[in-house]
Amino acid sequence: MDSTLYDSTLSDLKDKIKSYPDFPKEGIIFRDIFSILRDPACLKSVIDLMVAKIEKLKWNDVDVIVGLESRGFILAPLLAVKLNAGFVPIRKKGRLPGVCKEIAYTLEYRSDVLEIQEDSINQGQRVLVIDDLIATGGSLGATCKLLKGLDAKVVGCLVLLELDQLEGSKNVDAPVESLITF
């Protein structure tokens, strides 16, 4: 995809993202990606742009795509199919069967615990982490620590949206890239 078309498509997508002030609490502007995901042409553009970014960064040689609960679950499997990689979910505590490894983390307005099934990643596997948004970097940073605890090689993290004024990528121990910034 040529850079002019790439930039134009990103601009069009950014314009379609709905914003909800004071949700889930006062002072937070919630950026809702569902407005672009329900449009088939927009969804296709998002996946095509993410694949183009992954290829440009040379992150396409991966074994596993990890998606974060819950909106990362939408994008990660679609990218896994495109990259001929497996898909592994990172979920909130208590939602995965079997033996799980967990990590606690703090977000801008709450704390939580994430977990992964211990046998879902093999030692040395190359992993690309996908999520919809990075704000303070709490969940993405915790995910990378969790994966490194399983001896995975985190190639990078790709998010659809980044709230760049919060500088969340500084809290992630892996390269972080985004398609759209607010």
Protein backbone atom coordinates (compact mmCIF):
# COMPACT_ATOMS: atom_id res chain seq x y z
CA MET A 1 0.00 0.00 0.00
CA ASP A 2 1.50 3.34 -0.98
CA SER A 3 2.08 5.85 1.82
CA THR A 4 -0.49 8.42 0.59
CA LEU A 5 -3.28 5.83 0.51
CA TYR A 6 -2.08 4.44 3.86
CA ASP A 7 -2.22 7.88 5.53
CA SER A 8 -5.55 8.75 3.92
CA THR A 9 -7.12 5.48 5.07
CA LEU A 10 -5.81 5.99 8.62
CA SER A 11 -7.23 9.51 8.67
CA ASP A 12 -10.63 8.24 7.49
CA LEU A 13 -10.64 5.53 10.17
CA LYS A 14 -9.66 7.98 12.90
CA ASP A 15 -12.57 10.24 11.91
CA LYS A 16 -15.00 7.33 12.36
CA ILE A 17 -13.92 6.42 15.89
CA LYS A 18 -16.54 7.57 18.37
CA SER A 19 -15.50 9.29 21.59
CA TYR A 20 -17.46 9.16 24.85
CA PRO A 21 -16.44 11.71 27.50
CA ASP A 22 -16.53 10.72 31.17
CA PHE A 23 -16.73 6.98 30.52
CA PRO A 24 -16.12 4.74 32.43
CA LYS A 25 -15.48 7.52 34.92
CA GLU A 26 -15.24 11.30 34.95
CA GLY A 27 -12.21 12.73 33.17
CA ILE A 28 -11.70 9.78 30.81
CA ILE A 29 -12.54 9.98 27.11
CA PHE A 30 -13.41 6.48 25.90
CA ARG A 31 -12.39 5.86 22.26
CA ASP A 32 -14.82 3.29 20.84
CA ILE A 33 -13.50 1.18 17.96
CA PHE A 34 -16.80 -0.65 17.46
CA SER A 35 -17.95 2.13 15.16
CA ILE A 36 -15.27 1.10 12.65
CA LEU A 37 -15.42 -2.64 13.27
CA ARG A 38 -19.11 -2.93 12.37
CA ASP A 39 -18.39 -1.50 8.89
CA PRO A 40 -16.99 -4.35 6.72
CA ALA A 41 -14.87 -1.99 4.56
CA CYS A 42 -13.40 -0.31 7.64
CA LEU A 43 -12.68 -3.65 9.32
CA LYS A 44 -10.91 -4.86 6.18
CA SER A 45 -8.90 -1.62 6.11
CA VAL A 46 -7.88 -2.03 9.75
CA ILE A 47 -6.61 -5.57 9.14
CA ASP A 48 -4.86 -4.60 5.88
CA LEU A 49 -3.19 -1.62 7.57
CA MET A 50 -2.10 -3.70 10.54
CA VAL A 51 -0.62 -6.36 8.25
CA ALA A 52 1.18 -3.64 6.25
CA LYS A 53 2.61 -2.19 9.48
CA ILE A 54 3.68 -5.65 10.71
CA GLU A 55 5.42 -6.35 7.40
CA LYS A 56 7.11 -2.93 7.37
CA LEU A 57 8.44 -3.55 10.89
CA LYS A 58 9.49 -7.09 9.90
CA TRP A 59 7.38 -8.53 12.71
CA ASN A 60 5.65 -11.04 10.40
CA ASP A 61 7.94 -13.98 11.25
CA VAL A 62 6.07 -15.01 14.41
CA ASP A 63 4.75 -18.26 15.81
CA VAL A 64 1.92 -16.87 17.90
CA ILE A 65 -0.32 -13.81 17.94
CA VAL A 66 -1.45 -12.97 21.48
CA GLY A 67 -4.66 -10.99 21.90
CA LEU A 68 -5.68 -9.19 25.07
CA GLU A 69 -9.16 -9.44 26.53
CA SER A 70 -11.46 -8.34 25.21
CA ARG A 71 -11.16 -6.18 22.09
CA GLY A 72 -7.76 -7.67 21.28
CA PHE A 73 -9.68 -10.91 20.72
CA ILE A 74 -11.34 -9.31 17.71
CA LEU A 75 -8.18 -8.27 15.89
CA ALA A 76 -5.62 -10.91 16.91
CA PRO A 77 -7.23 -14.03 15.36
CA LEU A 78 -7.80 -12.19 12.06
CA LEU A 79 -4.12 -11.22 12.00
CA ALA A 80 -3.05 -14.73 13.02
CA VAL A 81 -4.80 -16.15 9.97
CA LYS A 82 -3.10 -13.57 7.71
CA LEU A 83 0.35 -14.32 9.21
CA ASN A 84 -0.08 -18.10 9.40
CA ALA A 85 0.42 -18.03 13.15
CA GLY A 86 -1.45 -19.45 16.12
CA PHE A 87 -3.69 -17.35 18.37
CA VAL A 88 -3.44 -17.30 22.16
CA PRO A 89 -5.73 -15.27 24.42
CA ILE A 90 -4.70 -13.35 27.53
CA ARG A 91 -7.73 -13.23 29.82
CA LYS A 92 -8.78 -11.81 33.13
CA LYS A 93 -8.25 -14.13 36.09
CA GLY A 94 -10.64 -17.05 36.41
CA ARG A 95 -11.73 -17.26 32.77
CA LEU A 96 -9.29 -19.85 31.42
CA PRO A 97 -9.32 -23.58 32.27
CA GLY A 98 -6.24 -25.58 33.19
CA VAL A 99 -3.01 -24.47 34.79
CA CYS A 100 -2.51 -20.74 34.30
CA LYS A 101 0.22 -18.24 34.99
CA GLU A 102 -0.97 -14.84 36.19
CA ILE A 103 0.19 -11.29 36.75
CA ALA A 104 -1.39 -8.34 38.58
CA TYR A 105 -1.31 -4.86 37.04
CA THR A 106 -2.75 -1.38 37.45
CA LEU A 107 -4.64 0.67 34.87
CA GLU A 108 -5.47 4.36 34.92
CA TYR A 109 -8.71 3.71 36.82
CA ARG A 110 -8.48 0.21 38.36
CA SER A 111 -6.28 -2.82 38.96
CA ASP A 112 -6.74 -6.35 37.68
CA VAL A 113 -5.08 -9.73 37.11
CA LEU A 114 -4.34 -11.25 33.70
CA GLU A 115 -3.59 -14.89 33.01
CA ILE A 116 -2.49 -17.24 30.27
CA GLN A 117 -2.63 -21.01 30.04
CA GLU A 118 0.91 -22.18 30.87
CA ASP A 119 1.06 -24.64 27.97
CA SER A 120 -0.10 -22.16 25.32
CA ILE A 121 3.35 -20.73 24.57
CA ASN A 122 6.49 -22.82 24.09
CA GLN A 123 9.89 -21.63 25.22
CA GLY A 124 11.54 -19.44 22.58
CA GLN A 125 8.43 -18.91 20.47
CA ARG A 126 8.26 -15.56 18.70
CA VAL A 127 5.16 -13.68 19.82
CA LEU A 128 3.39 -10.58 18.54
CA VAL A 129 0.99 -8.94 21.00
CA ILE A 130 -2.17 -7.28 19.64
CA ASP A 131 -4.63 -5.01 21.44
CA ASP A 132 -7.10 -2.33 20.51
CA LEU A 133 -5.65 0.50 22.62
CA ILE A 134 -2.74 1.57 24.78
CA ALA A 135 -3.32 4.24 27.40
CA THR A 136 -1.01 3.99 30.44
CA GLY A 137 0.47 0.67 29.28
CA GLY A 138 -0.67 -1.32 32.31
CA SER A 139 -2.26 -4.31 30.59
CA LEU A 140 0.19 -4.37 27.67
CA GLY A 141 3.19 -4.12 30.01
CA ALA A 142 1.82 -6.88 32.24
CA THR A 143 1.21 -9.09 29.20
CA CYS A 144 4.81 -8.73 28.04
CA LYS A 145 6.10 -9.62 31.53
CA LEU A 146 3.78 -12.61 31.61
CA LEU A 147 5.01 -13.82 28.21
CA LYS A 148 8.65 -13.30 29.09
CA GLY A 149 8.00 -15.35 32.24
CA LEU A 150 7.10 -18.21 29.89
CA ASP A 151 10.40 -17.63 28.00
CA ALA A 152 8.64 -16.33 24.91
CA LYS A 153 10.38 -13.82 22.66
CA VAL A 154 8.08 -10.80 22.38
CA VAL A 155 8.81 -9.37 18.92
CA GLY A 156 6.59 -6.35 19.50
CA CYS A 157 3.18 -5.00 20.39
CA LEU A 158 0.79 -3.50 17.87
CA VAL A 159 -2.29 -1.56 18.89
CA LEU A 160 -4.98 0.08 16.83
CA LEU A 161 -5.17 3.24 19.00
CA GLU A 162 -2.66 5.00 21.21
CA LEU A 163 -3.42 7.76 23.68
CA ASP A 164 0.01 9.28 23.19
CA GLN A 165 -0.22 11.98 25.88
CA LEU A 166 -0.28 9.20 28.52
CA GLU A 167 3.05 7.78 27.23
CA GLY A 168 1.97 4.21 27.95
CA SER A 169 4.59 2.68 25.66
CA LYS A 170 7.23 3.74 28.21
CA ASN A 171 5.69 1.19 30.58
CA VAL A 172 6.06 -1.73 28.16
CA ASP A 173 9.27 -3.76 27.96
CA ALA A 174 8.92 -4.41 24.21
CA PRO A 175 8.61 -2.29 21.08
CA VAL A 176 5.14 -0.73 20.77
CA GLU A 177 3.60 0.56 17.55
CA SER A 178 0.16 1.97 16.84
CA LEU A 179 -1.87 2.79 13.77
CA ILE A 180 -3.82 5.76 15.12
CA THR A 181 -2.92 8.21 17.88
CA PHE A 182 -5.11 10.55 19.87
